[in-house]
Amino acid sequence: TAMTLMAGGFAGIANWLGMLPIDTVKSRFQVAPEGKYSGVAAVAREIMLKEGPAGFFKGLAPVIVRAFPANAACFLGYEVASSFLTRMGLD
């Protein structure tokens, strides 16, 4: 229902708001030439020094646009499956 879709959508947004900085550091570490960074702390330090806190949230808009419908559908799918299994006596 609408409440489930909203709950899923906003849960997806909340997830990415917390995880995007970590994902940004991980992604930059993965694509960097070998030996550029000594570890993820060095990546985070460089982002903070060169771009400030906003650097950890680059690409936020497309992530949010994708997260809302994807997680809304996931929550709805779970609720529909759960309801079906309960009606079948398989809860």
PDB file of N, CA and C in Angstrom:
ATOM      1  N   THR A   1       0.836  -1.192   0.000  1.00  0.00           N
ATOM      2  CA  THR A   1       0.000   0.000   0.000  1.00  0.00           C
ATOM      3  C   THR A   1       0.876   1.249   0.000  1.00  0.00           C
ATOM      4  N   ALA A   2       0.237   2.400   0.045  1.00  0.00           N
ATOM      5  CA  ALA A   2       0.975   3.660  -0.030  1.00  0.00           C
ATOM      6  C   ALA A   2       1.949   3.831   1.137  1.00  0.00           C
ATOM      7  N   MET A   3       1.533   3.440   2.319  1.00  0.00           N
ATOM      8  CA  MET A   3       2.416   3.585   3.490  1.00  0.00           C
ATOM      9  C   MET A   3       3.654   2.692   3.351  1.00  0.00           C
ATOM     10  N   THR A   4       3.468   1.492   2.851  1.00  0.00           N
ATOM     11  CA  THR A   4       4.598   0.580   2.651  1.00  0.00           C
ATOM     12  C   THR A   4       5.556   1.143   1.614  1.00  0.00           C
ATOM     13  N   LEU A   5       5.005   1.676   0.528  1.00  0.00           N
ATOM     14  CA  LEU A   5       5.855   2.261  -0.509  1.00  0.00           C
ATOM     15  C   LEU A   5       6.642   3.455   0.031  1.00  0.00           C
ATOM     16  N   MET A   6       5.967   4.304   0.803  1.00  0.00           N
ATOM     17  CA  MET A   6       6.651   5.463   1.380  1.00  0.00           C
ATOM     18  C   MET A   6       7.727   5.030   2.374  1.00  0.00           C
ATOM     19  N   ALA A   7       7.385   4.050   3.201  1.00  0.00           N
ATOM     20  CA  ALA A   7       8.362   3.564   4.184  1.00  0.00           C
ATOM     21  C   ALA A   7       9.590   3.009   3.483  1.00  0.00           C
ATOM     22  N   GLY A   8       9.375   2.221   2.451  1.00  0.00           N
ATOM     23  CA  GLY A   8      10.497   1.657   1.707  1.00  0.00           C
ATOM     24  C   GLY A   8      11.327   2.724   1.018  1.00  0.00           C
ATOM     25  N   GLY A   9      10.650   3.671   0.396  1.00  0.00           N
ATOM     26  CA  GLY A   9      11.360   4.741  -0.306  1.00  0.00           C
ATOM     27  C   GLY A   9      12.221   5.576   0.624  1.00  0.00           C
ATOM     28  N   PHE A  10      11.637   5.985   1.745  1.00  0.00           N
ATOM     29  CA  PHE A  10      12.407   6.806   2.678  1.00  0.00           C
ATOM     30  C   PHE A  10      13.482   6.003   3.406  1.00  0.00           C
ATOM     31  N   ALA A  11      13.248   4.719   3.589  1.00  0.00           N
ATOM     32  CA  ALA A  11      14.293   3.865   4.174  1.00  0.00           C
ATOM     33  C   ALA A  11      15.490   3.790   3.227  1.00  0.00           C
ATOM     34  N   GLY A  12      15.220   3.689   1.935  1.00  0.00           N
ATOM     35  CA  GLY A  12      16.299   3.674   0.951  1.00  0.00           C
ATOM     36  C   GLY A  12      17.094   4.964   0.952  1.00  0.00           C
ATOM     37  N   ILE A  13      16.409   6.078   1.058  1.00  0.00           N
ATOM     38  CA  ILE A  13      17.090   7.374   1.116  1.00  0.00           C
ATOM     39  C   ILE A  13      17.950   7.455   2.377  1.00  0.00           C
ATOM     40  N   ALA A  14      17.378   7.066   3.511  1.00  0.00           N
ATOM     41  CA  ALA A  14      18.135   7.108   4.771  1.00  0.00           C
ATOM     42  C   ALA A  14      19.373   6.223   4.692  1.00  0.00           C
ATOM     43  N   ASN A  15      19.220   5.052   4.092  1.00  0.00           N
ATOM     44  CA  ASN A  15      20.360   4.141   3.941  1.00  0.00           C
ATOM     45  C   ASN A  15      21.484   4.806   3.154  1.00  0.00           C
ATOM     46  N   TRP A  16      21.146   5.392   2.011  1.00  0.00           N
ATOM     47  CA  TRP A  16      22.183   5.972   1.172  1.00  0.00           C
ATOM     48  C   TRP A  16      22.783   7.246   1.750  1.00  0.00           C
ATOM     49  N   LEU A  17      22.006   8.004   2.517  1.00  0.00           N
ATOM     50  CA  LEU A  17      22.583   9.184   3.155  1.00  0.00           C
ATOM     51  C   LEU A  17      23.693   8.784   4.124  1.00  0.00           C
ATOM     52  N   GLY A  18      23.519   7.664   4.783  1.00  0.00           N
ATOM     53  CA  GLY A  18      24.548   7.179   5.705  1.00  0.00           C
ATOM     54  C   GLY A  18      25.676   6.443   5.021  1.00  0.00           C
ATOM     55  N   MET A  19      25.373   5.759   3.932  1.00  0.00           N
ATOM     56  CA  MET A  19      26.367   4.898   3.294  1.00  0.00           C
ATOM     57  C   MET A  19      27.130   5.546   2.151  1.00  0.00           C
ATOM     58  N   LEU A  20      26.609   6.616   1.574  1.00  0.00           N
ATOM     59  CA  LEU A  20      27.269   7.210   0.408  1.00  0.00           C
ATOM     60  C   LEU A  20      28.708   7.638   0.678  1.00  0.00           C
ATOM     61  N   PRO A  21      29.015   8.272   1.824  1.00  0.00           N
ATOM     62  CA  PRO A  21      30.423   8.615   2.059  1.00  0.00           C
ATOM     63  C   PRO A  21      31.340   7.387   2.057  1.00  0.00           C
ATOM     64  N   ILE A  22      30.894   6.319   2.657  1.00  0.00           N
ATOM     65  CA  ILE A  22      31.693   5.081   2.687  1.00  0.00           C
ATOM     66  C   ILE A  22      31.815   4.503   1.289  1.00  0.00           C
ATOM     67  N   ASP A  23      30.725   4.509   0.537  1.00  0.00           N
ATOM     68  CA  ASP A  23      30.738   3.985  -0.824  1.00  0.00           C
ATOM     69  C   ASP A  23      31.628   4.822  -1.730  1.00  0.00           C
ATOM     70  N   THR A  24      31.627   6.135  -1.518  1.00  0.00           N
ATOM     71  CA  THR A  24      32.474   7.032  -2.312  1.00  0.00           C
ATOM     72  C   THR A  24      33.951   6.720  -2.081  1.00  0.00           C
ATOM     73  N   VAL A  25      34.332   6.564  -0.824  1.00  0.00           N
ATOM     74  CA  VAL A  25      35.722   6.235  -0.496  1.00  0.00           C
ATOM     75  C   VAL A  25      36.096   4.890  -1.111  1.00  0.00           C
ATOM     76  N   LYS A  26      35.228   3.901  -0.963  1.00  0.00           N
ATOM     77  CA  LYS A  26      35.488   2.566  -1.513  1.00  0.00           C
ATOM     78  C   LYS A  26      35.652   2.612  -3.029  1.00  0.00           C
ATOM     79  N   SER A  27      34.758   3.327  -3.693  1.00  0.00           N
ATOM     80  CA  SER A  27      34.804   3.392  -5.153  1.00  0.00           C
ATOM     81  C   SER A  27      36.069   4.085  -5.653  1.00  0.00           C
ATOM     82  N   ARG A  28      36.444   5.179  -5.011  1.00  0.00           N
ATOM     83  CA  ARG A  28      37.663   5.882  -5.431  1.00  0.00           C
ATOM     84  C   ARG A  28      38.910   5.042  -5.172  1.00  0.00           C
ATOM     85  N   PHE A  29      38.899   4.286  -4.094  1.00  0.00           N
ATOM     86  CA  PHE A  29      40.030   3.407  -3.802  1.00  0.00           C
ATOM     87  C   PHE A  29      40.126   2.311  -4.861  1.00  0.00           C
ATOM     88  N   GLN A  30      38.984   1.768  -5.274  1.00  0.00           N
ATOM     89  CA  GLN A  30      38.964   0.683  -6.251  1.00  0.00           C
ATOM     90  C   GLN A  30      39.457   1.120  -7.626  1.00  0.00           C
ATOM     91  N   VAL A  31      39.124   2.341  -8.037  1.00  0.00           N
ATOM     92  CA  VAL A  31      39.491   2.774  -9.389  1.00  0.00           C
ATOM     93  C   VAL A  31      40.839   3.485  -9.457  1.00  0.00           C
ATOM     94  N   ALA A  32      41.445   3.759  -8.307  1.00  0.00           N
ATOM     95  CA  ALA A  32      42.739   4.451  -8.289  1.00  0.00           C
ATOM     96  C   ALA A  32      43.835   3.529  -8.831  1.00  0.00           C
ATOM     97  N   PRO A  33      44.822   4.118  -9.462  1.00  0.00           N
ATOM     98  CA  PRO A  33      45.960   3.310  -9.900  1.00  0.00           C
ATOM     99  C   PRO A  33      46.604   2.625  -8.693  1.00  0.00           C
ATOM    100  N   GLU A  34      47.098   1.434  -8.918  1.00  0.00           N
ATOM    101  CA  GLU A  34      47.712   0.678  -7.824  1.00  0.00           C
ATOM    102  C   GLU A  34      48.858   1.471  -7.203  1.00  0.00           C
ATOM    103  N   GLY A  35      48.849   1.552  -5.882  1.00  0.00           N
ATOM    104  CA  GLY A  35      49.895   2.244  -5.155  1.00  0.00           C
ATOM    105  C   GLY A  35      49.634   3.716  -4.898  1.00  0.00           C
ATOM    106  N   LYS A  36      48.550   4.264  -5.459  1.00  0.00           N
ATOM    107  CA  LYS A  36      48.263   5.694  -5.240  1.00  0.00           C
ATOM    108  C   LYS A  36      47.933   5.966  -3.782  1.00  0.00           C
ATOM    109  N   TYR A  37      47.173   5.084  -3.179  1.00  0.00           N
ATOM    110  CA  TYR A  37      46.752   5.263  -1.787  1.00  0.00           C
ATOM    111  C   TYR A  37      47.287   4.127  -0.928  1.00  0.00           C
ATOM    112  N   SER A  38      47.602   4.450   0.314  1.00  0.00           N
ATOM    113  CA  SER A  38      48.055   3.419   1.248  1.00  0.00           C
ATOM    114  C   SER A  38      46.880   2.651   1.845  1.00  0.00           C
ATOM    115  N   GLY A  39      45.679   3.205   1.722  1.00  0.00           N
ATOM    116  CA  GLY A  39      44.478   2.564   2.235  1.00  0.00           C
ATOM    117  C   GLY A  39      43.298   3.508   2.135  1.00  0.00           C
ATOM    118  N   VAL A  40      42.160   3.067   2.658  1.00  0.00           N
ATOM    119  CA  VAL A  40      40.951   3.881   2.542  1.00  0.00           C
ATOM    120  C   VAL A  40      41.040   5.165   3.359  1.00  0.00           C
ATOM    121  N   ALA A  41      41.798   5.163   4.443  1.00  0.00           N
ATOM    122  CA  ALA A  41      41.955   6.384   5.235  1.00  0.00           C
ATOM    123  C   ALA A  41      42.640   7.468   4.406  1.00  0.00           C
ATOM    124  N   ALA A  42      43.595   7.083   3.579  1.00  0.00           N
ATOM    125  CA  ALA A  42      44.275   8.046   2.715  1.00  0.00           C
ATOM    126  C   ALA A  42      43.309   8.619   1.675  1.00  0.00           C
ATOM    127  N   VAL A  43      42.412   7.800   1.180  1.00  0.00           N
ATOM    128  CA  VAL A  43      41.399   8.274   0.224  1.00  0.00           C
ATOM    129  C   VAL A  43      40.488   9.289   0.912  1.00  0.00           C
ATOM    130  N   ALA A  44      39.998   8.930   2.090  1.00  0.00           N
ATOM    131  CA  ALA A  44      39.103   9.823   2.833  1.00  0.00           C
ATOM    132  C   ALA A  44      39.795  11.144   3.157  1.00  0.00           C
ATOM    133  N   ARG A  45      41.042  11.070   3.541  1.00  0.00           N
ATOM    134  CA  ARG A  45      41.804  12.280   3.868  1.00  0.00           C
ATOM    135  C   ARG A  45      41.924  13.188   2.641  1.00  0.00           C
ATOM    136  N   GLU A  46      42.223  12.591   1.489  1.00  0.00           N
ATOM    137  CA  GLU A  46      42.355  13.386   0.267  1.00  0.00           C
ATOM    138  C   GLU A  46      41.024  14.035  -0.129  1.00  0.00           C
ATOM    139  N   ILE A  47      39.939  13.291  -0.032  1.00  0.00           N
ATOM    140  CA  ILE A  47      38.628  13.860  -0.345  1.00  0.00           C
ATOM    141  C   ILE A  47      38.353  15.054   0.565  1.00  0.00           C
ATOM    142  N   MET A  48      38.587  14.894   1.852  1.00  0.00           N
ATOM    143  CA  MET A  48      38.309  15.968   2.811  1.00  0.00           C
ATOM    144  C   MET A  48      39.175  17.194   2.529  1.00  0.00           C
ATOM    145  N   LEU A  49      40.448  16.975   2.247  1.00  0.00           N
ATOM    146  CA  LEU A  49      41.357  18.102   2.005  1.00  0.00           C
ATOM    147  C   LEU A  49      41.058  18.826   0.702  1.00  0.00           C
ATOM    148  N   LYS A  50      40.767  18.085  -0.357  1.00  0.00           N
ATOM    149  CA  LYS A  50      40.580  18.694  -1.675  1.00  0.00           C
ATOM    150  C   LYS A  50      39.157  19.160  -1.959  1.00  0.00           C
ATOM    151  N   GLU A  51      38.166  18.458  -1.383  1.00  0.00           N
ATOM    152  CA  GLU A  51      36.777  18.748  -1.739  1.00  0.00           C
ATOM    153  C   GLU A  51      35.896  19.124  -0.552  1.00  0.00           C
ATOM    154  N   GLY A  52      36.390  18.895   0.643  1.00  0.00           N
ATOM    155  CA  GLY A  52      35.579  19.152   1.825  1.00  0.00           C
ATOM    156  C   GLY A  52      34.524  18.076   2.008  1.00  0.00           C
ATOM    157  N   PRO A  53      33.672  18.245   2.997  1.00  0.00           N
ATOM    158  CA  PRO A  53      32.650  17.234   3.274  1.00  0.00           C
ATOM    159  C   PRO A  53      31.734  16.938   2.081  1.00  0.00           C
ATOM    160  N   ALA A  54      31.488  17.932   1.242  1.00  0.00           N
ATOM    161  CA  ALA A  54      30.611  17.725   0.082  1.00  0.00           C
ATOM    162  C   ALA A  54      31.170  16.673  -0.875  1.00  0.00           C
ATOM    163  N   GLY A  55      32.480  16.502  -0.875  1.00  0.00           N
ATOM    164  CA  GLY A  55      33.095  15.511  -1.753  1.00  0.00           C
ATOM    165  C   GLY A  55      32.643  14.088  -1.478  1.00  0.00           C
ATOM    166  N   PHE A  56      32.233  13.828  -0.252  1.00  0.00           N
ATOM    167  CA  PHE A  56      31.764  12.493   0.106  1.00  0.00           C
ATOM    168  C   PHE A  56      30.355  12.221  -0.418  1.00  0.00           C
ATOM    169  N   PHE A  57      29.677  13.278  -0.868  1.00  0.00           N
ATOM    170  CA  PHE A  57      28.286  13.139  -1.306  1.00  0.00           C
ATOM    171  C   PHE A  57      28.094  13.432  -2.785  1.00  0.00           C
ATOM    172  N   LYS A  58      29.173  13.376  -3.562  1.00  0.00           N
ATOM    173  CA  LYS A  58      29.037  13.570  -5.004  1.00  0.00           C
ATOM    174  C   LYS A  58      28.178  12.444  -5.568  1.00  0.00           C
ATOM    175  N   GLY A  59      27.278  12.811  -6.443  1.00  0.00           N
ATOM    176  CA  GLY A  59      26.385  11.816  -7.036  1.00  0.00           C
ATOM    177  C   GLY A  59      25.170  11.492  -6.189  1.00  0.00           C
ATOM    178  N   LEU A  60      24.905  12.295  -5.172  1.00  0.00           N
ATOM    179  CA  LEU A  60      23.786  12.015  -4.270  1.00  0.00           C
ATOM    180  C   LEU A  60      22.443  12.029  -5.001  1.00  0.00           C
ATOM    181  N   ALA A  61      22.228  12.994  -5.886  1.00  0.00           N
ATOM    182  CA  ALA A  61      20.917  13.113  -6.547  1.00  0.00           C
ATOM    183  C   ALA A  61      20.527  11.849  -7.306  1.00  0.00           C
ATOM    184  N   PRO A  62      21.380  11.315  -8.186  1.00  0.00           N
ATOM    185  CA  PRO A  62      20.967  10.098  -8.888  1.00  0.00           C
ATOM    186  C   PRO A  62      20.797   8.893  -7.950  1.00  0.00           C
ATOM    187  N   VAL A  63      21.583   8.873  -6.897  1.00  0.00           N
ATOM    188  CA  VAL A  63      21.454   7.776  -5.928  1.00  0.00           C
ATOM    189  C   VAL A  63      20.087   7.824  -5.262  1.00  0.00           C
ATOM    190  N   ILE A  64      19.643   9.010  -4.879  1.00  0.00           N
ATOM    191  CA  ILE A  64      18.340   9.174  -4.235  1.00  0.00           C
ATOM    192  C   ILE A  64      17.216   8.848  -5.210  1.00  0.00           C
ATOM    193  N   VAL A  65      17.355   9.334  -6.451  1.00  0.00           N
ATOM    194  CA  VAL A  65      16.325   9.069  -7.465  1.00  0.00           C
ATOM    195  C   VAL A  65      16.170   7.568  -7.688  1.00  0.00           C
ATOM    196  N   ARG A  66      17.253   6.831  -7.641  1.00  0.00           N
ATOM    197  CA  ARG A  66      17.191   5.384  -7.807  1.00  0.00           C
ATOM    198  C   ARG A  66      16.738   4.691  -6.526  1.00  0.00           C
ATOM    199  N   ALA A  67      17.198   5.169  -5.377  1.00  0.00           N
ATOM    200  CA  ALA A  67      16.938   4.477  -4.111  1.00  0.00           C
ATOM    201  C   ALA A  67      15.467   4.467  -3.737  1.00  0.00           C
ATOM    202  N   PHE A  68      14.780   5.573  -3.960  1.00  0.00           N
ATOM    203  CA  PHE A  68      13.388   5.631  -3.517  1.00  0.00           C
ATOM    204  C   PHE A  68      12.532   4.554  -4.191  1.00  0.00           C
ATOM    205  N   PRO A  69      12.452   4.506  -5.514  1.00  0.00           N
ATOM    206  CA  PRO A  69      11.573   3.488  -6.116  1.00  0.00           C
ATOM    207  C   PRO A  69      12.088   2.061  -5.907  1.00  0.00           C
ATOM    208  N   ALA A  70      13.393   1.886  -5.921  1.00  0.00           N
ATOM    209  CA  ALA A  70      13.933   0.530  -5.755  1.00  0.00           C
ATOM    210  C   ALA A  70      13.587  -0.036  -4.387  1.00  0.00           C
ATOM    211  N   ASN A  71      13.750   0.760  -3.346  1.00  0.00           N
ATOM    212  CA  ASN A  71      13.461   0.281  -2.003  1.00  0.00           C
ATOM    213  C   ASN A  71      11.966   0.240  -1.719  1.00  0.00           C
ATOM    214  N   ALA A  72      11.205   1.134  -2.324  1.00  0.00           N
ATOM    215  CA  ALA A  72       9.750   1.076  -2.190  1.00  0.00           C
ATOM    216  C   ALA A  72       9.242  -0.244  -2.764  1.00  0.00           C
ATOM    217  N   ALA A  73       9.734  -0.613  -3.931  1.00  0.00           N
ATOM    218  CA  ALA A  73       9.326  -1.875  -4.554  1.00  0.00           C
ATOM    219  C   ALA A  73       9.763  -3.072  -3.718  1.00  0.00           C
ATOM    220  N   CYS A  74      10.942  -2.988  -3.147  1.00  0.00           N
ATOM    221  CA  CYS A  74      11.446  -4.076  -2.307  1.00  0.00           C
ATOM    222  C   CYS A  74      10.552  -4.274  -1.084  1.00  0.00           C
ATOM    223  N   PHE A  75      10.206  -3.187  -0.412  1.00  0.00           N
ATOM    224  CA  PHE A  75       9.325  -3.276   0.759  1.00  0.00           C
ATOM    225  C   PHE A  75       7.968  -3.838   0.360  1.00  0.00           C
ATOM    226  N   LEU A  76       7.418  -3.361  -0.759  1.00  0.00           N
ATOM    227  CA  LEU A  76       6.117  -3.838  -1.205  1.00  0.00           C
ATOM    228  C   LEU A  76       6.186  -5.330  -1.548  1.00  0.00           C
ATOM    229  N   GLY A  77       7.240  -5.729  -2.227  1.00  0.00           N
ATOM    230  CA  GLY A  77       7.415  -7.146  -2.553  1.00  0.00           C
ATOM    231  C   GLY A  77       7.476  -8.017  -1.316  1.00  0.00           C
ATOM    232  N   TYR A  78       8.184  -7.556  -0.317  1.00  0.00           N
ATOM    233  CA  TYR A  78       8.268  -8.304   0.938  1.00  0.00           C
ATOM    234  C   TYR A  78       6.896  -8.429   1.584  1.00  0.00           C
ATOM    235  N   GLU A  79       6.166  -7.313   1.667  1.00  0.00           N
ATOM    236  CA  GLU A  79       4.852  -7.327   2.307  1.00  0.00           C
ATOM    237  C   GLU A  79       3.864  -8.213   1.561  1.00  0.00           C
ATOM    238  N   VAL A  80       3.879  -8.162   0.244  1.00  0.00           N
ATOM    239  CA  VAL A  80       2.986  -9.000  -0.559  1.00  0.00           C
ATOM    240  C   VAL A  80       3.333 -10.469  -0.365  1.00  0.00           C
ATOM    241  N   ALA A  81       4.616 -10.802  -0.420  1.00  0.00           N
ATOM    242  CA  ALA A  81       5.034 -12.195  -0.226  1.00  0.00           C
ATOM    243  C   ALA A  81       4.705 -12.682   1.176  1.00  0.00           C
ATOM    244  N   SER A  82       4.932 -11.846   2.166  1.00  0.00           N
ATOM    245  CA  SER A  82       4.643 -12.209   3.548  1.00  0.00           C
ATOM    246  C   SER A  82       3.149 -12.467   3.733  1.00  0.00           C
ATOM    247  N   SER A  83       2.334 -11.590   3.175  1.00  0.00           N
ATOM    248  CA  SER A  83       0.880 -11.743   3.269  1.00  0.00           C
ATOM    249  C   SER A  83       0.424 -13.028   2.578  1.00  0.00           C
ATOM    250  N   PHE A  84       0.968 -13.305   1.414  1.00  0.00           N
ATOM    251  CA  PHE A  84       0.624 -14.521   0.668  1.00  0.00           C
ATOM    252  C   PHE A  84       1.005 -15.766   1.468  1.00  0.00           C
ATOM    253  N   LEU A  85       2.207 -15.796   2.004  1.00  0.00           N
ATOM    254  CA  LEU A  85       2.647 -16.956   2.769  1.00  0.00           C
ATOM    255  C   LEU A  85       1.828 -17.149   4.039  1.00  0.00           C
ATOM    256  N   THR A  86       1.436 -16.057   4.649  1.00  0.00           N
ATOM    257  CA  THR A  86       0.583 -16.148   5.842  1.00  0.00           C
ATOM    258  C   THR A  86      -0.772 -16.751   5.470  1.00  0.00           C
ATOM    259  N   ARG A  87      -1.358 -16.284   4.362  1.00  0.00           N
ATOM    260  CA  ARG A  87      -2.643 -16.838   3.916  1.00  0.00           C
ATOM    261  C   ARG A  87      -2.536 -18.313   3.566  1.00  0.00           C
ATOM    262  N   MET A  88      -1.356 -18.735   3.112  1.00  0.00           N
ATOM    263  CA  MET A  88      -1.143 -20.141   2.758  1.00  0.00           C
ATOM    264  C   MET A  88      -0.834 -20.983   3.992  1.00  0.00           C
ATOM    265  N   GLY A  89      -0.722 -20.330   5.157  1.00  0.00           N
ATOM    266  CA  GLY A  89      -0.411 -21.043   6.385  1.00  0.00           C
ATOM    267  C   GLY A  89       1.062 -21.373   6.548  1.00  0.00           C
ATOM    268  N   LEU A  90       1.904 -20.637   5.841  1.00  0.00           N
ATOM    269  CA  LEU A  90       3.351 -20.914   5.872  1.00  0.00           C
ATOM    270  C   LEU A  90       4.109 -19.839   6.648  1.00  0.00           C
ATOM    271  N   ASP A  91       3.438 -19.192   7.579  1.00  0.00           N
ATOM    272  CA  ASP A  91       4.121 -18.143   8.323  1.00  0.00           C
ATOM    273  C   ASP A  91       4.924 -18.798   9.408  1.00  0.00           C
TER     274      ASP A  91
END
